[in-house]
């Protein structure tokens, strides 16, 4: 199946120096030795490689709300960052059957944490001080 290509405007290029412009004075050998960066105005730019975009890139329809994952799963490192402990601490908590709820794929499989479970764990362990004034 062939993709439909839509022409785009050519990319603007820096104009090549014209002879009607005043030319800079020729630098002395001492000035060229002290100059570390080449003058970029004297380097012509290459032409753009692509002049058309595939039509699939131009379709910017809004995605439905269900397309966004509102409860992503995180690995140990990301979960530890959210909870505020190390990944080793989360591993110890799992061994002791403590800590936030997690998902394990298989007996010795990878461990993932849902974002909602991590946020609930943080809320359950929040210390609330009653300041009476």
Protein backbone atom coordinates (compact mmCIF):
# COMPACT_ATOMS: atom_id res chain seq x y z
CA UNK A 1 0.00 0.00 0.00
CA UNK A 2 1.46 3.31 -1.06
CA UNK A 3 1.30 6.26 1.32
CA UNK A 4 -0.16 9.50 0.06
CA UNK A 5 2.43 12.27 0.10
CA UNK A 6 1.51 15.88 0.65
CA UNK A 7 3.92 18.59 -0.56
CA UNK A 8 5.30 20.92 2.08
CA UNK A 9 6.87 24.33 1.78
CA UNK A 10 10.59 24.20 1.07
CA UNK A 11 12.81 24.86 4.04
CA UNK A 12 14.26 28.32 4.04
CA UNK A 13 17.97 28.37 3.52
CA UNK A 14 20.48 31.00 4.37
CA UNK A 15 21.24 32.98 1.20
CA UNK A 16 24.67 32.60 -0.31
CA UNK A 17 26.77 35.73 0.00
CA UNK A 18 26.17 38.13 -2.85
CA UNK A 19 28.76 40.29 -4.46
CA UNK A 20 26.74 43.49 -3.82
CA UNK A 21 27.30 43.13 -0.09
CA UNK A 22 30.45 44.65 1.35
CA UNK A 23 33.06 41.95 1.85
CA UNK A 24 34.83 41.76 5.22
CA UNK A 25 38.47 42.68 5.31
CA UNK A 26 40.91 39.82 4.86
CA UNK A 27 42.21 38.75 8.29
CA UNK A 28 45.87 38.80 9.07
CA UNK A 29 47.65 35.50 9.78
CA UNK A 30 47.75 36.37 13.48
CA UNK A 31 43.98 36.95 13.53
CA UNK A 32 43.26 33.63 11.82
CA UNK A 33 45.43 31.78 14.32
CA UNK A 34 43.55 33.29 17.24
CA UNK A 35 40.17 32.59 15.67
CA UNK A 36 38.94 29.17 16.81
CA UNK A 37 35.50 29.10 15.24
CA UNK A 38 35.14 29.17 11.47
CA UNK A 39 32.90 31.81 9.95
CA UNK A 40 29.62 29.99 9.33
CA UNK A 41 28.46 32.53 6.75
CA UNK A 42 30.97 31.24 4.21
CA UNK A 43 29.69 27.65 4.37
CA UNK A 44 26.79 27.01 1.96
CA UNK A 45 23.94 24.90 3.29
CA UNK A 46 22.94 21.64 1.66
CA UNK A 47 19.47 21.48 0.12
CA UNK A 48 16.67 19.89 2.12
CA UNK A 49 16.44 16.12 1.65
CA UNK A 50 12.66 15.73 1.80
CA UNK A 51 10.11 17.92 0.11
CA UNK A 52 6.96 16.00 1.08
CA UNK A 53 5.49 14.58 4.28
CA UNK A 54 3.42 11.39 4.46
CA UNK A 55 -0.26 12.16 4.95
CA UNK A 56 -0.33 10.00 8.10
CA UNK A 57 1.83 12.60 9.88
CA UNK A 58 -0.61 15.36 9.01
CA UNK A 59 -3.64 13.69 10.59
CA UNK A 60 -3.84 15.36 13.96
CA UNK A 61 -7.21 14.18 15.16
CA UNK A 62 -7.72 14.40 18.92
CA UNK A 63 -7.31 11.08 20.67
CA UNK A 64 -10.17 9.83 22.87
CA UNK A 65 -9.67 10.01 26.61
CA UNK A 66 -9.63 6.21 26.82
CA UNK A 67 -6.45 6.20 24.71
CA UNK A 68 -4.44 7.64 27.59
CA UNK A 69 -3.28 5.27 30.32
CA UNK A 70 -4.30 6.86 33.61
CA UNK A 71 -2.83 4.02 35.70
CA UNK A 72 0.57 3.12 34.27
CA UNK A 73 2.76 0.40 35.75
CA UNK A 74 6.26 1.21 36.94
CA UNK A 75 9.35 -0.85 37.55
CA UNK A 76 11.11 -1.03 40.93
CA UNK A 77 13.23 2.05 40.30
CA UNK A 78 10.29 4.26 39.34
CA UNK A 79 8.16 2.94 42.17
CA UNK A 80 10.94 3.51 44.68
CA UNK A 81 11.28 7.10 43.49
CA UNK A 82 7.56 7.77 43.99
CA UNK A 83 7.43 6.14 47.43
CA UNK A 84 10.71 7.74 48.49
CA UNK A 85 12.76 4.64 49.30
CA UNK A 86 15.35 2.56 47.47
CA UNK A 87 14.60 -0.33 45.13
CA UNK A 88 16.31 -2.66 47.62
CA UNK A 89 13.91 -1.49 50.33
CA UNK A 90 10.93 -2.37 48.11
CA UNK A 91 12.46 -5.81 47.54
CA UNK A 92 12.79 -6.36 51.30
CA UNK A 93 9.22 -5.22 51.83
CA UNK A 94 7.99 -7.73 49.23
CA UNK A 95 9.93 -10.53 50.93
CA UNK A 96 8.37 -9.58 54.30
CA UNK A 97 4.90 -9.18 52.70
CA UNK A 98 4.88 -5.45 53.47
CA UNK A 99 4.88 -2.35 51.34
CA UNK A 100 2.66 -1.35 48.41
CA UNK A 101 0.68 -3.84 46.34
CA UNK A 102 2.50 -5.08 43.26
CA UNK A 103 2.08 -7.25 40.19
CA UNK A 104 4.44 -10.15 39.51
CA UNK A 105 4.38 -11.91 36.17
CA UNK A 106 5.23 -15.55 36.94
CA UNK A 107 6.92 -17.08 39.97
CA UNK A 108 10.29 -15.43 39.37
CA UNK A 109 9.02 -12.91 36.87
CA UNK A 110 9.38 -9.16 36.73
CA UNK A 111 7.69 -7.01 39.35
CA UNK A 112 5.63 -3.95 38.45
CA UNK A 113 3.79 -1.43 40.59
CA UNK A 114 0.61 0.38 39.59
CA UNK A 115 0.68 4.13 40.07
CA UNK A 116 -2.62 4.15 41.97
CA UNK A 117 -1.34 1.50 44.41
CA UNK A 118 1.78 3.56 45.09
CA UNK A 119 -0.20 6.74 45.69
CA UNK A 120 -2.61 4.91 48.01
CA UNK A 121 0.34 3.47 49.93
CA UNK A 122 1.77 6.95 50.39
CA UNK A 123 -1.58 8.30 51.57
CA UNK A 124 -2.02 5.45 54.09
CA UNK A 125 1.36 6.26 55.63
CA UNK A 126 0.94 9.99 55.74
CA UNK A 127 1.37 11.37 59.25
CA UNK A 128 -1.28 13.97 59.99
CA UNK A 129 -0.48 16.43 62.74
CA UNK A 130 -3.32 18.09 64.61
CA UNK A 131 -2.16 21.62 65.18
CA UNK A 132 -4.49 23.34 67.59
CA UNK A 133 -4.02 27.03 67.87
